[in-house]
Every structure is written in structure tokens, then in C-alpha cells.
């Protein structure tokens, strides 16, 4: 990727959750390669932004539920509400 001196880094958030009945250690892919991460970043850039020159950088991380209780409840309501 060529460096453009006019580019600025703008933080954004993409929040989600996954549901499982297994321990987290059994369901998380811990051997994600740099190439696979780059593929995900390119996919997000293509699908989320109109400008084809946008570069996306992500850092996958799991937030402990006790630190994200309210956000998880809101997402559950949105996805599983009967309305």
C-alpha cells in the first residue's frame, strides 16, 4: 500500500456478538493468518465505504460480557425481538 501524506486515520466501530453454548476457547479461530486478516479488511473496506481508496485496519478482540452488557442487550433486542 502506497503511503498518501493526505490520508488520515479515522476510528470507527463495528460491534457484534456471537452466540454459542461452548467455551470461547473452543469457538474462536486463534490461527488467523496475516493474509486472512488482510482479506477481511479489504472486504470490509469494499462493502462499508463508497471510496475505493479507503483502507481499513482492524484488530479482532473479544470484549468480556461483563464489560459490554448493555451493548449486548441492545443487540439481542434488535436481532431477536418479535417486532
PDB file of N, CA and C in Angstrom:
ATOM      1  N   UNK A   1       0.853  -1.183   0.000  1.00  0.00           N
ATOM      2  CA  UNK A   1       0.000   0.000   0.000  1.00  0.00           C
ATOM      3  C   UNK A   1       0.893   1.239   0.000  1.00  0.00           C
ATOM      4  N   UNK A   2       0.718   2.103  -0.968  1.00  0.00           N
ATOM      5  CA  UNK A   2       1.474   3.345  -1.041  1.00  0.00           C
ATOM      6  C   UNK A   2       0.970   4.317   0.014  1.00  0.00           C
ATOM      7  N   UNK A   3       1.902   5.020   0.622  1.00  0.00           N
ATOM      8  CA  UNK A   3       1.539   5.991   1.647  1.00  0.00           C
ATOM      9  C   UNK A   3       1.129   7.301   0.984  1.00  0.00           C
ATOM     10  N   UNK A   4       0.005   7.828   1.404  1.00  0.00           N
ATOM     11  CA  UNK A   4      -0.504   9.098   0.916  1.00  0.00           C
ATOM     12  C   UNK A   4      -0.416  10.076   2.077  1.00  0.00           C
ATOM     13  N   UNK A   5       0.369  11.145   1.952  1.00  0.00           N
ATOM     14  CA  UNK A   5       0.535  12.080   3.074  1.00  0.00           C
ATOM     15  C   UNK A   5      -0.752  12.799   3.471  1.00  0.00           C
ATOM     16  N   UNK A   6      -1.761  12.787   2.610  1.00  0.00           N
ATOM     17  CA  UNK A   6      -3.025  13.450   2.926  1.00  0.00           C
ATOM     18  C   UNK A   6      -4.022  12.540   3.639  1.00  0.00           C
ATOM     19  N   UNK A   7      -3.690  11.249   3.765  1.00  0.00           N
ATOM     20  CA  UNK A   7      -4.601  10.315   4.435  1.00  0.00           C
ATOM     21  C   UNK A   7      -4.585  10.542   5.935  1.00  0.00           C
ATOM     22  N   UNK A   8      -5.753  10.410   6.531  1.00  0.00           N
ATOM     23  CA  UNK A   8      -5.871  10.491   7.990  1.00  0.00           C
ATOM     24  C   UNK A   8      -6.568   9.232   8.481  1.00  0.00           C
ATOM     25  N   UNK A   9      -6.219   8.810   9.683  1.00  0.00           N
ATOM     26  CA  UNK A   9      -6.856   7.641  10.290  1.00  0.00           C
ATOM     27  C   UNK A   9      -8.083   8.101  11.069  1.00  0.00           C
ATOM     28  N   UNK A  10      -9.227   7.535  10.758  1.00  0.00           N
ATOM     29  CA  UNK A  10     -10.481   7.889  11.424  1.00  0.00           C
ATOM     30  C   UNK A  10     -11.023   6.626  12.087  1.00  0.00           C
ATOM     31  N   UNK A  11     -11.115   6.623  13.415  1.00  0.00           N
ATOM     32  CA  UNK A  11     -11.626   5.426  14.095  1.00  0.00           C
ATOM     33  C   UNK A  11     -13.093   5.181  13.755  1.00  0.00           C
ATOM     34  N   UNK A  12     -13.458   3.911  13.646  1.00  0.00           N
ATOM     35  CA  UNK A  12     -14.859   3.529  13.503  1.00  0.00           C
ATOM     36  C   UNK A  12     -15.053   2.243  14.290  1.00  0.00           C
ATOM     37  N   UNK A  13     -16.283   1.944  14.598  1.00  0.00           N
ATOM     38  CA  UNK A  13     -16.574   0.732  15.364  1.00  0.00           C
ATOM     39  C   UNK A  13     -17.547  -0.142  14.592  1.00  0.00           C
ATOM     40  N   UNK A  14     -17.310  -1.408  14.650  1.00  0.00           N
ATOM     41  CA  UNK A  14     -18.206  -2.406  14.087  1.00  0.00           C
ATOM     42  C   UNK A  14     -18.428  -3.408  15.212  1.00  0.00           C
ATOM     43  N   UNK A  15     -19.595  -3.338  15.825  1.00  0.00           N
ATOM     44  CA  UNK A  15     -19.860  -4.126  17.024  1.00  0.00           C
ATOM     45  C   UNK A  15     -20.802  -5.271  16.690  1.00  0.00           C
ATOM     46  N   UNK A  16     -20.539  -6.400  17.273  1.00  0.00           N
ATOM     47  CA  UNK A  16     -21.408  -7.548  17.075  1.00  0.00           C
ATOM     48  C   UNK A  16     -21.265  -8.491  18.240  1.00  0.00           C
ATOM     49  N   UNK A  17     -21.929  -9.614  18.146  1.00  0.00           N
ATOM     50  CA  UNK A  17     -21.733 -10.653  19.144  1.00  0.00           C
ATOM     51  C   UNK A  17     -21.954 -11.995  18.489  1.00  0.00           C
ATOM     52  N   UNK A  18     -21.451 -13.022  19.120  1.00  0.00           N
ATOM     53  CA  UNK A  18     -21.714 -14.366  18.644  1.00  0.00           C
ATOM     54  C   UNK A  18     -22.343 -15.144  19.780  1.00  0.00           C
ATOM     55  N   UNK A  19     -23.172 -16.099  19.424  1.00  0.00           N
ATOM     56  CA  UNK A  19     -23.855 -16.914  20.423  1.00  0.00           C
ATOM     57  C   UNK A  19     -23.337 -18.345  20.317  1.00  0.00           C
ATOM     58  N   UNK A  20     -23.017 -18.937  21.437  1.00  0.00           N
ATOM     59  CA  UNK A  20     -22.525 -20.308  21.462  1.00  0.00           C
ATOM     60  C   UNK A  20     -22.822 -20.930  22.815  1.00  0.00           C
ATOM     61  N   UNK A  21     -22.876 -22.237  22.837  1.00  0.00           N
ATOM     62  CA  UNK A  21     -23.033 -22.930  24.112  1.00  0.00           C
ATOM     63  C   UNK A  21     -21.723 -23.591  24.533  1.00  0.00           C
ATOM     64  N   UNK A  22     -20.650 -23.270  23.808  1.00  0.00           N
ATOM     65  CA  UNK A  22     -19.336 -23.848  24.103  1.00  0.00           C
ATOM     66  C   UNK A  22     -18.421 -22.786  24.700  1.00  0.00           C
ATOM     67  N   UNK A  23     -17.351 -23.201  25.371  1.00  0.00           N
ATOM     68  CA  UNK A  23     -16.377 -22.227  25.878  1.00  0.00           C
ATOM     69  C   UNK A  23     -15.771 -21.420  24.722  1.00  0.00           C
ATOM     70  N   UNK A  24     -15.499 -20.166  24.983  1.00  0.00           N
ATOM     71  CA  UNK A  24     -14.956 -19.271  23.956  1.00  0.00           C
ATOM     72  C   UNK A  24     -13.719 -19.871  23.297  1.00  0.00           C
ATOM     73  N   UNK A  25     -12.861 -20.491  24.097  1.00  0.00           N
ATOM     74  CA  UNK A  25     -11.618 -21.057  23.572  1.00  0.00           C
ATOM     75  C   UNK A  25     -11.868 -22.111  22.492  1.00  0.00           C
ATOM     76  N   UNK A  26     -13.043 -22.738  22.520  1.00  0.00           N
ATOM     77  CA  UNK A  26     -13.347 -23.784  21.548  1.00  0.00           C
ATOM     78  C   UNK A  26     -13.927 -23.242  20.239  1.00  0.00           C
ATOM     79  N   UNK A  27     -14.366 -22.011  20.225  1.00  0.00           N
ATOM     80  CA  UNK A  27     -15.031 -21.497  19.021  1.00  0.00           C
ATOM     81  C   UNK A  27     -14.265 -20.388  18.303  1.00  0.00           C
ATOM     82  N   UNK A  28     -13.318 -19.775  18.973  1.00  0.00           N
ATOM     83  CA  UNK A  28     -12.554 -18.682  18.357  1.00  0.00           C
ATOM     84  C   UNK A  28     -11.427 -19.245  17.497  1.00  0.00           C
ATOM     85  N   UNK A  29     -11.301 -18.730  16.287  1.00  0.00           N
ATOM     86  CA  UNK A  29     -10.205 -19.099  15.399  1.00  0.00           C
ATOM     87  C   UNK A  29      -8.964 -18.324  15.830  1.00  0.00           C
ATOM     88  N   UNK A  30      -8.032 -19.006  16.475  1.00  0.00           N
ATOM     89  CA  UNK A  30      -6.841 -18.331  17.002  1.00  0.00           C
ATOM     90  C   UNK A  30      -5.661 -18.372  16.041  1.00  0.00           C
ATOM     91  N   UNK A  31      -5.825 -19.022  14.902  1.00  0.00           N
ATOM     92  CA  UNK A  31      -4.708 -19.113  13.960  1.00  0.00           C
ATOM     93  C   UNK A  31      -4.980 -18.348  12.663  1.00  0.00           C
ATOM     94  N   UNK A  32      -5.622 -17.203  12.793  1.00  0.00           N
ATOM     95  CA  UNK A  32      -5.897 -16.335  11.652  1.00  0.00           C
ATOM     96  C   UNK A  32      -4.571 -15.821  11.103  1.00  0.00           C
ATOM     97  N   UNK A  33      -4.328 -16.032   9.826  1.00  0.00           N
ATOM     98  CA  UNK A  33      -3.067 -15.602   9.224  1.00  0.00           C
ATOM     99  C   UNK A  33      -3.133 -14.117   8.853  1.00  0.00           C
ATOM    100  N   UNK A  34      -1.983 -13.484   8.688  1.00  0.00           N
ATOM    101  CA  UNK A  34      -1.987 -12.086   8.230  1.00  0.00           C
ATOM    102  C   UNK A  34      -2.708 -11.930   6.888  1.00  0.00           C
ATOM    103  N   UNK A  35      -2.586 -12.921   6.030  1.00  0.00           N
ATOM    104  CA  UNK A  35      -3.263 -12.864   4.731  1.00  0.00           C
ATOM    105  C   UNK A  35      -4.780 -12.921   4.902  1.00  0.00           C
ATOM    106  N   UNK A  36      -5.250 -13.758   5.810  1.00  0.00           N
ATOM    107  CA  UNK A  36      -6.689 -13.848   6.062  1.00  0.00           C
ATOM    108  C   UNK A  36      -7.219 -12.553   6.672  1.00  0.00           C
ATOM    109  N   UNK A  37      -6.454 -11.957   7.580  1.00  0.00           N
ATOM    110  CA  UNK A  37      -6.849 -10.685   8.178  1.00  0.00           C
ATOM    111  C   UNK A  37      -6.902  -9.594   7.110  1.00  0.00           C
ATOM    112  N   UNK A  38      -5.924  -9.581   6.227  1.00  0.00           N
ATOM    113  CA  UNK A  38      -5.906  -8.607   5.127  1.00  0.00           C
ATOM    114  C   UNK A  38      -7.126  -8.791   4.226  1.00  0.00           C
ATOM    115  N   UNK A  39      -7.503 -10.025   3.968  1.00  0.00           N
ATOM    116  CA  UNK A  39      -8.684 -10.313   3.148  1.00  0.00           C
ATOM    117  C   UNK A  39      -9.954  -9.772   3.808  1.00  0.00           C
ATOM    118  N   UNK A  40     -10.071  -9.947   5.108  1.00  0.00           N
ATOM    119  CA  UNK A  40     -11.230  -9.428   5.848  1.00  0.00           C
ATOM    120  C   UNK A  40     -11.251  -7.904   5.789  1.00  0.00           C
ATOM    121  N   UNK A  41     -10.091  -7.276   5.972  1.00  0.00           N
ATOM    122  CA  UNK A  41     -10.001  -5.813   5.934  1.00  0.00           C
ATOM    123  C   UNK A  41     -10.397  -5.279   4.563  1.00  0.00           C
ATOM    124  N   UNK A  42      -9.939  -5.928   3.507  1.00  0.00           N
ATOM    125  CA  UNK A  42     -10.292  -5.499   2.155  1.00  0.00           C
ATOM    126  C   UNK A  42     -11.786  -5.673   1.901  1.00  0.00           C
ATOM    127  N   UNK A  43     -12.352  -6.758   2.395  1.00  0.00           N
ATOM    128  CA  UNK A  43     -13.790  -6.995   2.244  1.00  0.00           C
ATOM    129  C   UNK A  43     -14.589  -5.896   2.943  1.00  0.00           C
ATOM    130  N   UNK A  44     -14.201  -5.577   4.185  1.00  0.00           N
ATOM    131  CA  UNK A  44     -14.902  -4.523   4.924  1.00  0.00           C
ATOM    132  C   UNK A  44     -14.789  -3.184   4.213  1.00  0.00           C
ATOM    133  N   UNK A  45     -13.607  -2.857   3.729  1.00  0.00           N
ATOM    134  CA  UNK A  45     -13.416  -1.588   3.024  1.00  0.00           C
ATOM    135  C   UNK A  45     -14.320  -1.521   1.796  1.00  0.00           C
ATOM    136  N   UNK A  46     -14.392  -2.609   1.056  1.00  0.00           N
ATOM    137  CA  UNK A  46     -15.204  -2.648  -0.167  1.00  0.00           C
ATOM    138  C   UNK A  46     -16.693  -2.531   0.135  1.00  0.00           C
ATOM    139  N   UNK A  47     -17.149  -3.189   1.192  1.00  0.00           N
ATOM    140  CA  UNK A  47     -18.580  -3.238   1.486  1.00  0.00           C
ATOM    141  C   UNK A  47     -19.088  -2.053   2.305  1.00  0.00           C
ATOM    142  N   UNK A  48     -18.237  -1.460   3.125  1.00  0.00           N
ATOM    143  CA  UNK A  48     -18.692  -0.395   4.020  1.00  0.00           C
ATOM    144  C   UNK A  48     -18.490   1.016   3.476  1.00  0.00           C
ATOM    145  N   UNK A  49     -17.575   1.187   2.533  1.00  0.00           N
ATOM    146  CA  UNK A  49     -17.220   2.535   2.100  1.00  0.00           C
ATOM    147  C   UNK A  49     -17.375   2.699   0.590  1.00  0.00           C
ATOM    148  N   UNK A  50     -17.824   3.877   0.181  1.00  0.00           N
ATOM    149  CA  UNK A  50     -18.006   4.186  -1.236  1.00  0.00           C
ATOM    150  C   UNK A  50     -16.672   4.419  -1.941  1.00  0.00           C
ATOM    151  N   UNK A  51     -15.740   5.036  -1.249  1.00  0.00           N
ATOM    152  CA  UNK A  51     -14.445   5.388  -1.827  1.00  0.00           C
ATOM    153  C   UNK A  51     -13.570   4.138  -1.933  1.00  0.00           C
ATOM    154  N   UNK A  52     -13.181   3.742  -3.141  1.00  0.00           N
ATOM    155  CA  UNK A  52     -12.367   2.531  -3.294  1.00  0.00           C
ATOM    156  C   UNK A  52     -10.948   2.667  -2.738  1.00  0.00           C
ATOM    157  N   UNK A  53     -10.554   3.892  -2.393  1.00  0.00           N
ATOM    158  CA  UNK A  53      -9.215   4.110  -1.848  1.00  0.00           C
ATOM    159  C   UNK A  53      -9.162   4.051  -0.326  1.00  0.00           C
ATOM    160  N   UNK A  54     -10.314   3.836   0.313  1.00  0.00           N
ATOM    161  CA  UNK A  54     -10.333   3.723   1.771  1.00  0.00           C
ATOM    162  C   UNK A  54      -9.591   2.454   2.172  1.00  0.00           C
ATOM    163  N   UNK A  55      -8.746   2.583   3.172  1.00  0.00           N
ATOM    164  CA  UNK A  55      -8.005   1.448   3.712  1.00  0.00           C
ATOM    165  C   UNK A  55      -8.536   1.176   5.110  1.00  0.00           C
ATOM    166  N   UNK A  56      -8.880  -0.067   5.401  1.00  0.00           N
ATOM    167  CA  UNK A  56      -9.409  -0.451   6.708  1.00  0.00           C
ATOM    168  C   UNK A  56      -8.369  -1.281   7.441  1.00  0.00           C
ATOM    169  N   UNK A  57      -8.181  -0.978   8.710  1.00  0.00           N
ATOM    170  CA  UNK A  57      -7.323  -1.783   9.585  1.00  0.00           C
ATOM    171  C   UNK A  57      -8.167  -2.207  10.781  1.00  0.00           C
ATOM    172  N   UNK A  58      -8.148  -3.491  11.088  1.00  0.00           N
ATOM    173  CA  UNK A  58      -8.930  -3.984  12.223  1.00  0.00           C
ATOM    174  C   UNK A  58      -8.035  -4.763  13.173  1.00  0.00           C
ATOM    175  N   UNK A  59      -8.503  -4.849  14.408  1.00  0.00           N
ATOM    176  CA  UNK A  59      -7.854  -5.668  15.417  1.00  0.00           C
ATOM    177  C   UNK A  59      -8.941  -6.493  16.089  1.00  0.00           C
ATOM    178  N   UNK A  60      -9.089  -7.751  15.694  1.00  0.00           N
ATOM    179  CA  UNK A  60     -10.140  -8.577  16.299  1.00  0.00           C
ATOM    180  C   UNK A  60      -9.869  -8.798  17.790  1.00  0.00           C
ATOM    181  N   UNK A  61     -10.883  -8.592  18.595  1.00  0.00           N
ATOM    182  CA  UNK A  61     -10.751  -8.783  20.039  1.00  0.00           C
ATOM    183  C   UNK A  61     -12.107  -9.160  20.619  1.00  0.00           C
ATOM    184  N   UNK A  62     -12.076  -9.943  21.665  1.00  0.00           N
ATOM    185  CA  UNK A  62     -13.295 -10.323  22.370  1.00  0.00           C
ATOM    186  C   UNK A  62     -13.419  -9.441  23.600  1.00  0.00           C
ATOM    187  N   UNK A  63     -14.567  -8.818  23.761  1.00  0.00           N
ATOM    188  CA  UNK A  63     -14.834  -7.994  24.941  1.00  0.00           C
ATOM    189  C   UNK A  63     -15.568  -8.863  25.953  1.00  0.00           C
ATOM    190  N   UNK A  64     -15.038  -8.966  27.167  1.00  0.00           N
ATOM    191  CA  UNK A  64     -15.742  -9.759  28.184  1.00  0.00           C
ATOM    192  C   UNK A  64     -17.166  -9.246  28.368  1.00  0.00           C
ATOM    193  N   UNK A  65     -18.143 -10.167  28.426  1.00  0.00           N
ATOM    194  CA  UNK A  65     -19.553  -9.759  28.521  1.00  0.00           C
ATOM    195  C   UNK A  65     -19.845  -8.783  29.653  1.00  0.00           C
ATOM    196  N   UNK A  66     -19.178  -8.926  30.769  1.00  0.00           N
ATOM    197  CA  UNK A  66     -19.448  -8.016  31.883  1.00  0.00           C
ATOM    198  C   UNK A  66     -19.044  -6.579  31.568  1.00  0.00           C
ATOM    199  N   UNK A  67     -18.204  -6.385  30.554  1.00  0.00           N
ATOM    200  CA  UNK A  67     -17.805  -5.040  30.154  1.00  0.00           C
ATOM    201  C   UNK A  67     -18.689  -4.487  29.038  1.00  0.00           C
ATOM    202  N   UNK A  68     -19.527  -5.320  28.485  1.00  0.00           N
ATOM    203  CA  UNK A  68     -20.343  -4.884  27.355  1.00  0.00           C
ATOM    204  C   UNK A  68     -21.806  -5.285  27.514  1.00  0.00           C
ATOM    205  N   UNK A  69     -22.251  -5.419  28.730  1.00  0.00           N
ATOM    206  CA  UNK A  69     -23.595  -5.924  28.998  1.00  0.00           C
ATOM    207  C   UNK A  69     -24.680  -5.132  28.284  1.00  0.00           C
ATOM    208  N   UNK A  70     -24.646  -3.833  28.382  1.00  0.00           N
ATOM    209  CA  UNK A  70     -25.699  -3.010  27.776  1.00  0.00           C
ATOM    210  C   UNK A  70     -25.699  -3.130  26.257  1.00  0.00           C
ATOM    211  N   UNK A  71     -24.527  -3.084  25.642  1.00  0.00           N
ATOM    212  CA  UNK A  71     -24.449  -3.207  24.184  1.00  0.00           C
ATOM    213  C   UNK A  71     -24.955  -4.568  23.725  1.00  0.00           C
ATOM    214  N   UNK A  72     -24.607  -5.609  24.444  1.00  0.00           N
ATOM    215  CA  UNK A  72     -25.070  -6.951  24.088  1.00  0.00           C
ATOM    216  C   UNK A  72     -26.588  -7.048  24.213  1.00  0.00           C
ATOM    217  N   UNK A  73     -27.148  -6.472  25.269  1.00  0.00           N
ATOM    218  CA  UNK A  73     -28.604  -6.494  25.442  1.00  0.00           C
ATOM    219  C   UNK A  73     -29.306  -5.765  24.299  1.00  0.00           C
ATOM    220  N   UNK A  74     -28.770  -4.622  23.888  1.00  0.00           N
ATOM    221  CA  UNK A  74     -29.365  -3.878  22.781  1.00  0.00           C
ATOM    222  C   UNK A  74     -29.311  -4.677  21.484  1.00  0.00           C
ATOM    223  N   UNK A  75     -28.177  -5.308  21.220  1.00  0.00           N
ATOM    224  CA  UNK A  75     -28.058  -6.126  20.018  1.00  0.00           C
ATOM    225  C   UNK A  75     -29.001  -7.323  20.061  1.00  0.00           C
ATOM    226  N   UNK A  76     -29.107  -7.951  21.212  1.00  0.00           N
ATOM    227  CA  UNK A  76     -30.046  -9.072  21.358  1.00  0.00           C
ATOM    228  C   UNK A  76     -31.472  -8.615  21.067  1.00  0.00           C
ATOM    229  N   UNK A  77     -31.846  -7.456  21.590  1.00  0.00           N
ATOM    230  CA  UNK A  77     -33.195  -6.931  21.353  1.00  0.00           C
ATOM    231  C   UNK A  77     -33.439  -6.653  19.873  1.00  0.00           C
ATOM    232  N   UNK A  78     -32.454  -6.090  19.217  1.00  0.00           N
ATOM    233  CA  UNK A  78     -32.592  -5.780  17.792  1.00  0.00           C
ATOM    234  C   UNK A  78     -32.730  -7.060  16.973  1.00  0.00           C
ATOM    235  N   UNK A  79     -31.886  -8.036  17.250  1.00  0.00           N
ATOM    236  CA  UNK A  79     -31.864  -9.248  16.437  1.00  0.00           C
ATOM    237  C   UNK A  79     -32.961 -10.248  16.770  1.00  0.00           C
ATOM    238  N   UNK A  80     -33.342 -10.312  18.039  1.00  0.00           N
ATOM    239  CA  UNK A  80     -34.264 -11.361  18.454  1.00  0.00           C
ATOM    240  C   UNK A  80     -35.632 -10.866  18.899  1.00  0.00           C
ATOM    241  N   UNK A  81     -35.895  -9.565  18.747  1.00  0.00           N
ATOM    242  CA  UNK A  81     -37.208  -9.057  19.146  1.00  0.00           C
ATOM    243  C   UNK A  81     -38.268  -9.588  18.189  1.00  0.00           C
ATOM    244  N   UNK A  82     -39.476  -9.702  18.680  1.00  0.00           N
ATOM    245  CA  UNK A  82     -40.565 -10.266  17.875  1.00  0.00           C
ATOM    246  C   UNK A  82     -41.263  -9.219  17.029  1.00  0.00           C
ATOM    247  N   UNK A  83     -40.837  -7.985  17.081  1.00  0.00           N
ATOM    248  CA  UNK A  83     -41.474  -6.918  16.303  1.00  0.00           C
ATOM    249  C   UNK A  83     -41.107  -6.997  14.848  1.00  0.00           C
TER     250      UNK A  83
END
